[in-house]
Amino acid sequence: MTSKNTSKTLPVNLPEGDPELLLHELQTRLREGRRLFAEVGQILAEIESRGVRDLYGYNSIAVFYEHVARVSRAEAKKVTGRALALNSRRTRDGTTTPPVAPMTGAAAATGVLAEAGIDRIVTVMSKLPEHVAASARLDAEKVLVDLASVARPRDVTIAGTDLLARLDPDGNDTLDPTPRAPRSEFWLRQKRTGRWDLRGNLDPETGARLNALLVPLAQPAPDGKPDDRTPAERRGDAFAEVVDLAESGPAVPMPRQASEPATEQPEPAEPVGKPANSTGTAQPPEQGRQSPYSGSVRSGKARDVAHIRPPRWWFRLSRSQPGAETPSPTHDRSVVQISDENATHSQRRKTA
């Protein structure tokens, strides 16, 4: 009864009690799957040689494989990178780009190498400097290929590290002889809730100076009362105080000014005969649009508004055009006359 269920679940009929046969079938199918996957890499390299944009309209071979194989972007980059490292391809000018690990590609086509072992070999071969002779490169690759066919990927990594130390003991310093010192970084973004999220990576001196400013201000309340704030909240309040102190300093930089001078638009003069408390009075037409900053400037005349500068686009829209029509004196007199008539009519209704 058990043998019948086993025969239905397995792809082939295997007798009971034969572990060697099970192991052989497993290794055979693994080798066949790896061989077919190596052929997939060869096809990808050929597509890259012919031009994936010209053939299928994709910007890169990784994006093409991501959509065709329905895999993630990270896996697509890994597969296509392995394919281009194991197979030669032609460039646009007709020249041939040799593979990084040609012997590894030939062994992968037989299905004896796993993908993880191939990636370890490619990593080691790509780190070998150009001054290493071609014969030494082939010998080193052969050692790694023979090891990867019978060992685990971690063993290949250890052997590759030893080969790099023997073939390039000084390391490849030609790529970056003078490494650039890391600079301070700061990120600040506003969330949808209106609050701001900040993080940074400061150099030792700047970090120590900022910490010296925050520590005294982040202490609990000095009057002895219990402080229910968490340490993070105390540091946040201390940082807000530092911002207030910096903003009130005399050397605080002002916002960048627009290249065009900012001119305040004059308010339109009120009609001469306009009553003090009248409703429904016709207003004279305004020239241009009202500035979004005019209300705050008018309401607080004692406030220093020298730093308020409307954006440049506002002045382009608010300028009077050369061919724009201006209200004539006749129109102004008609407005005043209408206002007087409305006021007289309103007074008569109140008297009646």
Protein backbone atom coordinates (compact mmCIF):
# COMPACT_ATOMS: atom_id res chain seq x y z
CA MET A 1 0.00 0.00 0.00
CA THR A 2 2.89 2.33 0.81
CA SER A 3 4.67 1.56 -2.46
CA LYS A 4 1.60 2.58 -4.46
CA ASN A 5 1.43 5.99 -2.73
CA THR A 6 5.16 6.49 -3.24
CA SER A 7 4.94 5.75 -6.93
CA LYS A 8 2.22 8.36 -7.35
CA THR A 9 4.11 11.15 -5.58
CA LEU A 10 7.53 10.58 -7.17
CA PRO A 11 8.22 11.37 -10.82
CA VAL A 12 9.54 7.86 -11.44
CA ASN A 13 8.79 4.48 -9.90
CA LEU A 14 11.45 3.84 -7.28
CA PRO A 15 11.53 0.68 -5.19
CA GLU A 16 11.51 0.76 -1.42
CA GLY A 17 14.68 0.41 0.62
CA ASP A 18 17.16 1.78 -1.92
CA PRO A 19 18.62 5.10 -0.56
CA GLU A 20 21.47 5.06 -3.05
CA LEU A 21 19.04 5.16 -5.94
CA LEU A 22 17.15 8.07 -4.36
CA LEU A 23 20.41 9.99 -3.93
CA HIS A 24 21.42 9.28 -7.51
CA GLU A 25 18.10 10.47 -8.88
CA LEU A 26 18.32 13.65 -6.78
CA GLN A 27 21.83 14.47 -7.97
CA THR A 28 20.87 13.75 -11.57
CA ARG A 29 17.99 16.16 -11.47
CA LEU A 30 20.02 18.82 -9.69
CA ARG A 31 22.72 18.54 -12.35
CA GLU A 32 20.14 18.71 -15.12
CA GLY A 33 18.46 21.76 -13.59
CA ARG A 34 21.78 23.57 -13.21
CA ARG A 35 22.71 22.74 -16.79
CA LEU A 36 19.43 24.17 -18.06
CA PHE A 37 19.90 27.26 -15.91
CA ALA A 38 23.38 27.72 -17.39
CA GLU A 39 21.78 27.67 -20.83
CA VAL A 40 19.39 30.38 -19.63
CA GLY A 41 22.47 32.46 -18.81
CA GLN A 42 23.88 31.88 -22.28
CA ILE A 43 20.62 33.07 -23.84
CA LEU A 44 20.64 36.18 -21.64
CA ALA A 45 24.20 36.98 -22.70
CA GLU A 46 23.22 36.63 -26.36
CA ILE A 47 20.24 38.95 -25.85
CA GLU A 48 22.56 41.48 -24.24
CA SER A 49 24.92 41.22 -27.23
CA ARG A 50 22.14 41.87 -29.74
CA GLY A 51 20.66 44.67 -27.67
CA VAL A 52 17.77 44.15 -25.30
CA ARG A 53 16.38 47.60 -26.09
CA ASP A 54 16.33 46.93 -29.83
CA LEU A 55 14.81 43.48 -29.41
CA TYR A 56 12.26 43.96 -26.65
CA GLY A 57 12.31 47.64 -25.65
CA TYR A 58 13.72 47.21 -22.12
CA ASN A 59 16.37 49.49 -20.68
CA SER A 60 18.49 46.69 -19.22
CA ILE A 61 18.78 42.94 -19.31
CA ALA A 62 17.95 42.77 -15.58
CA VAL A 63 14.61 44.53 -16.05
CA PHE A 64 13.84 42.27 -19.02
CA TYR A 65 14.55 39.11 -17.00
CA GLU A 66 12.55 40.45 -14.04
CA HIS A 67 9.41 40.68 -16.18
CA VAL A 68 9.96 37.49 -18.18
CA ALA A 69 10.88 35.23 -15.25
CA ARG A 70 8.52 37.01 -12.80
CA VAL A 71 11.18 37.35 -10.10
CA SER A 72 12.27 40.17 -7.84
CA ARG A 73 14.62 42.90 -9.00
CA ALA A 74 17.41 41.68 -6.69
CA GLU A 75 17.21 38.12 -8.02
CA ALA A 76 17.08 39.38 -11.61
CA LYS A 77 20.26 41.41 -11.10
CA LYS A 78 22.01 38.41 -9.57
CA VAL A 79 21.06 36.04 -12.39
CA THR A 80 21.91 38.45 -15.20
CA GLY A 81 25.17 39.49 -13.55
CA ARG A 82 26.18 35.83 -13.30
CA ALA A 83 25.24 35.25 -16.93
CA LEU A 84 27.33 38.18 -18.18
CA ALA A 85 30.30 37.12 -16.04
CA LEU A 86 30.36 33.55 -17.37
CA ASN A 87 29.72 34.16 -21.08
CA SER A 88 31.41 36.34 -23.66
CA ARG A 89 29.34 38.95 -25.47
CA ARG A 90 29.69 41.43 -28.26
CA THR A 91 29.54 45.18 -27.81
CA ARG A 92 28.02 47.80 -30.09
CA ASP A 93 31.30 48.48 -31.90
CA GLY A 94 31.74 44.79 -32.78
CA THR A 95 34.41 43.93 -30.23
CA THR A 96 34.08 40.89 -27.97
CA THR A 97 34.04 41.22 -24.21
CA PRO A 98 35.67 38.17 -22.61
CA PRO A 99 34.00 36.56 -19.58
CA VAL A 100 35.32 37.14 -16.09
CA ALA A 101 35.51 33.39 -15.37
CA PRO A 102 35.57 31.41 -18.66
CA MET A 103 36.48 28.08 -17.06
CA THR A 104 33.68 28.46 -14.55
CA GLY A 105 31.21 29.06 -17.38
CA ALA A 106 32.32 25.87 -19.14
CA ALA A 107 31.93 23.87 -15.93
CA ALA A 108 28.54 25.45 -15.22
CA ALA A 109 27.29 24.32 -18.63
CA THR A 110 27.75 20.70 -17.50
CA GLY A 111 25.67 21.24 -14.37
CA VAL A 112 28.33 20.35 -11.80
CA LEU A 113 28.47 23.79 -10.14
CA ALA A 114 25.84 25.32 -7.91
CA GLU A 115 24.85 28.97 -8.27
CA ALA A 116 26.28 29.96 -4.88
CA GLY A 117 29.66 28.41 -5.72
CA ILE A 118 29.68 30.18 -9.09
CA ASP A 119 29.08 33.53 -7.41
CA ARG A 120 32.03 32.94 -5.03
CA ILE A 121 34.34 32.14 -7.92
CA VAL A 122 33.23 35.16 -9.93
CA THR A 123 33.80 37.41 -6.89
CA VAL A 124 37.36 36.15 -6.45
CA MET A 125 38.23 36.37 -10.15
CA SER A 126 36.90 39.90 -10.43
CA LYS A 127 39.13 41.00 -7.55
CA LEU A 128 42.33 39.75 -9.17
CA PRO A 129 44.42 42.70 -10.42
CA GLU A 130 45.42 43.09 -14.05
CA HIS A 131 49.12 42.50 -13.41
CA VAL A 132 48.45 38.82 -12.60
CA ALA A 133 49.52 36.67 -15.53
CA ALA A 134 46.92 34.83 -17.59
CA SER A 135 48.37 31.44 -16.71
CA ALA A 136 48.18 32.25 -12.99
CA ARG A 137 44.58 33.32 -13.40
CA LEU A 138 43.66 30.06 -15.15
CA ASP A 139 45.41 27.99 -12.47
CA ALA A 140 43.63 29.85 -9.69
CA GLU A 141 40.26 29.48 -11.40
CA LYS A 142 40.83 25.76 -11.99
CA VAL A 143 41.53 25.24 -8.30
CA LEU A 144 38.31 27.02 -7.36
CA VAL A 145 36.23 25.16 -9.96
CA ASP A 146 37.49 21.76 -8.83
CA LEU A 147 36.75 22.70 -5.23
CA ALA A 148 33.28 24.11 -5.95
CA SER A 149 32.23 20.89 -7.69
CA VAL A 150 32.63 18.90 -4.46
CA ALA A 151 32.62 21.45 -1.59
CA ARG A 152 30.32 24.01 -0.08
CA PRO A 153 30.31 27.71 -1.00
CA ARG A 154 31.96 28.70 2.28
CA ASP A 155 34.93 26.46 1.43
CA VAL A 156 35.23 28.20 -1.93
CA THR A 157 35.28 31.56 -0.16
CA ILE A 158 38.07 30.47 2.16
CA ALA A 159 40.15 29.12 -0.72
CA GLY A 160 39.52 32.27 -2.76
CA THR A 161 40.69 34.46 0.12
CA ASP A 162 43.92 32.47 0.32
CA LEU A 163 44.44 32.81 -3.46
CA LEU A 164 43.93 36.57 -3.31
CA ALA A 165 46.41 36.87 -0.46
CA ARG A 166 49.00 34.88 -2.44
CA LEU A 167 48.52 36.49 -5.86
CA ASP A 168 47.92 40.04 -4.63
CA PRO A 169 49.46 40.41 -1.15
CA ASP A 170 49.48 44.21 -1.22
CA GLY A 171 45.86 44.49 -2.26
CA ASN A 172 44.43 46.43 -5.16
CA ASP A 173 45.24 49.98 -4.12
CA THR A 174 45.12 51.40 -7.64
CA LEU A 175 41.34 51.84 -7.55
CA ASP A 176 41.26 54.20 -4.56
CA PRO A 177 44.79 55.21 -3.47
CA THR A 178 43.54 58.03 -1.24
CA PRO A 179 40.18 57.11 0.29
CA ARG A 180 37.93 60.09 0.84
CA ALA A 181 37.21 60.97 4.42
CA PRO A 182 33.54 60.55 5.31
CA ARG A 183 31.68 63.83 5.63
CA SER A 184 28.76 64.73 7.85
CA GLU A 185 25.29 63.92 6.53
CA PHE A 186 21.87 65.15 7.61
CA TRP A 187 18.40 64.19 6.40
CA LEU A 188 15.23 66.15 7.17
CA ARG A 189 11.79 65.40 5.75
CA GLN A 190 8.23 66.32 6.65
CA LYS A 191 5.65 63.60 7.14
CA ARG A 192 2.02 63.72 6.13
CA THR A 193 1.07 64.48 9.71
CA GLY A 194 3.05 67.72 9.57
CA ARG A 195 5.78 66.57 11.93
CA TRP A 196 9.41 66.41 10.83
CA ASP A 197 11.64 63.35 10.82
CA LEU A 198 15.39 63.88 11.00
CA ARG A 199 18.46 61.67 11.14
CA GLY A 200 22.11 62.24 10.46
CA ASN A 201 25.67 60.99 10.55
CA LEU A 202 28.04 63.55 12.04
CA ASP A 203 31.80 63.64 12.32
CA PRO A 204 33.27 63.26 15.83
CA GLU A 205 33.88 66.99 16.37
CA THR A 206 30.43 68.15 15.24
CA GLY A 207 28.73 65.36 17.18
CA ALA A 208 30.61 66.28 20.36
CA ARG A 209 29.72 69.98 20.00
CA LEU A 210 26.04 69.17 19.47
CA ASN A 211 26.03 66.82 22.43
CA ALA A 212 27.62 69.52 24.61
CA LEU A 213 24.76 71.84 23.70
CA LEU A 214 22.02 69.28 24.29
CA VAL A 215 23.20 67.73 27.57
CA PRO A 216 22.71 70.82 29.82
CA LEU A 217 19.33 71.61 28.27
CA ALA A 218 18.11 68.00 28.42
CA GLN A 219 18.44 67.70 32.20
CA PRO A 220 15.26 67.18 34.26
CA ALA A 221 13.47 70.16 35.73
CA PRO A 222 15.83 71.91 38.19
CA ASP A 223 13.08 72.99 40.61
CA GLY A 224 12.79 69.52 42.05
CA LYS A 225 9.39 68.78 40.58
CA PRO A 226 8.88 65.38 38.94
CA ASP A 227 9.62 65.48 35.22
CA ASP A 228 7.33 63.11 33.33
CA ARG A 229 9.24 63.52 30.04
CA THR A 230 11.21 60.63 28.65
CA PRO A 231 14.91 61.12 27.86
CA ALA A 232 14.06 61.31 24.17
CA GLU A 233 11.44 63.98 24.84
CA ARG A 234 13.90 65.99 26.93
CA ARG A 235 16.45 65.84 24.13
CA GLY A 236 13.76 66.92 21.68
CA ASP A 237 12.90 69.94 23.81
CA ALA A 238 16.60 70.72 24.15
CA PHE A 239 17.05 70.57 20.39
CA ALA A 240 14.10 72.96 19.96
CA GLU A 241 15.80 75.40 22.37
CA VAL A 242 19.03 75.15 20.38
CA VAL A 243 17.08 75.98 17.20
CA ASP A 244 15.50 79.00 18.93
CA LEU A 245 18.91 80.23 20.06
CA ALA A 246 20.39 79.78 16.61
CA GLU A 247 17.47 81.55 14.94
CA SER A 248 17.68 84.55 17.24
CA GLY A 249 21.42 84.97 16.69
CA PRO A 250 22.71 88.00 14.77
CA ALA A 251 24.56 85.89 12.18
CA VAL A 252 21.60 83.72 11.16
CA PRO A 253 21.51 83.49 7.33
CA MET A 254 18.49 84.99 5.63
CA PRO A 255 16.52 83.08 2.98
CA ARG A 256 17.79 83.35 -0.54
CA GLN A 257 16.36 86.38 -2.30
CA ALA A 258 14.88 86.31 -5.76
CA SER A 259 16.93 87.81 -8.57
CA GLU A 260 14.15 90.30 -9.37
CA PRO A 261 13.52 93.11 -6.85
CA ALA A 262 10.38 92.76 -4.76
CA THR A 263 8.12 95.77 -4.93
CA GLU A 264 5.05 96.24 -2.76
CA GLN A 265 1.88 96.72 -4.78
CA PRO A 266 0.08 99.97 -3.76
CA GLU A 267 -3.44 99.66 -2.46
CA PRO A 268 -6.15 101.04 -4.75
CA ALA A 269 -7.48 104.39 -3.58
CA GLU A 270 -11.03 104.47 -2.29
CA PRO A 271 -13.65 106.55 -4.15
CA VAL A 272 -14.08 110.10 -2.90
CA GLY A 273 -17.83 109.90 -2.33
CA LYS A 274 -17.91 106.49 -0.70
CA PRO A 275 -20.01 106.45 2.51
CA ALA A 276 -18.49 105.11 5.73
CA ASN A 277 -21.02 102.35 6.54
CA SER A 278 -22.57 101.30 3.25
CA THR A 279 -23.18 97.82 2.00
CA GLY A 280 -23.44 96.63 -1.57
CA THR A 281 -21.19 99.45 -2.83
CA ALA A 282 -19.54 98.72 -6.13
CA GLN A 283 -15.78 98.47 -5.82
CA PRO A 284 -13.45 99.80 -8.49
CA PRO A 285 -11.76 97.12 -10.56
CA GLU A 286 -8.39 96.06 -9.18
CA GLN A 287 -5.37 96.07 -11.42
CA GLY A 288 -3.64 92.68 -11.32
CA ARG A 289 -4.00 90.05 -8.63
CA GLN A 290 -3.69 90.45 -4.91
CA SER A 291 -0.49 89.16 -3.31
CA PRO A 292 -0.92 86.32 -0.82
CA TYR A 293 1.37 88.25 1.54
CA SER A 294 -0.48 91.58 1.37
CA GLY A 295 -2.94 90.77 4.18
CA SER A 296 -0.24 90.04 6.72
CA VAL A 297 1.75 93.11 5.72
CA ARG A 298 -1.24 95.44 6.10
CA SER A 299 -2.46 94.02 9.39
CA GLY A 300 0.91 94.25 11.13
CA LYS A 301 2.56 97.46 9.94
CA ALA A 302 4.81 97.59 12.98
CA ARG A 303 6.13 94.12 12.21
CA ASP A 304 9.44 93.80 10.41
CA VAL A 305 8.53 92.30 7.07
CA ALA A 306 11.77 92.99 5.26
CA HIS A 307 12.48 89.26 4.99
CA ILE A 308 9.10 88.48 3.38
CA ARG A 309 9.57 88.16 -0.34
CA PRO A 310 6.77 86.80 -2.53
CA PRO A 311 7.95 84.28 -5.11
CA ARG A 312 9.04 85.41 -8.54
CA TRP A 313 5.98 84.01 -10.29
CA TRP A 314 3.73 86.37 -8.33
CA PHE A 315 5.39 89.44 -9.80
CA ARG A 316 5.13 88.08 -13.32
CA LEU A 317 1.39 87.61 -12.87
CA SER A 318 0.77 90.85 -10.98
CA ARG A 319 2.59 93.16 -13.36
CA SER A 320 0.35 95.33 -15.47
CA GLN A 321 0.59 94.29 -19.10
CA PRO A 322 1.51 96.91 -21.73
CA GLY A 323 -1.86 96.52 -23.50
CA ALA A 324 -3.99 96.21 -20.36
CA GLU A 325 -7.00 98.49 -20.07
CA THR A 326 -7.04 101.02 -17.24
CA PRO A 327 -10.18 102.48 -15.73
CA SER A 328 -10.99 105.89 -17.18
CA PRO A 329 -11.96 108.94 -15.09
CA THR A 330 -15.50 108.71 -16.53
CA HIS A 331 -15.84 105.21 -15.11
CA ASP A 332 -14.63 106.41 -11.68
CA ARG A 333 -17.20 109.24 -11.67
CA SER A 334 -19.95 106.75 -12.54
CA VAL A 335 -18.93 104.57 -9.62
CA VAL A 336 -19.08 107.52 -7.25
CA GLN A 337 -22.48 108.53 -8.62
CA ILE A 338 -23.91 105.02 -8.17
CA SER A 339 -22.57 104.94 -4.61
CA ASP A 340 -24.27 108.28 -3.77
CA GLU A 341 -27.58 107.13 -5.24
CA ASN A 342 -27.48 103.88 -3.24
CA ALA A 343 -26.74 105.79 -0.04
CA THR A 344 -29.64 108.27 -0.64
CA HIS A 345 -32.05 105.44 -1.42
CA SER A 346 -31.05 103.62 1.78
CA GLN A 347 -31.57 106.81 3.87
CA ARG A 348 -35.07 107.33 2.43
CA ARG A 349 -36.09 103.75 3.31
CA LYS A 350 -34.95 104.25 6.92
CA THR A 351 -36.88 107.52 7.21
CA ALA A 352 -40.07 105.91 5.81
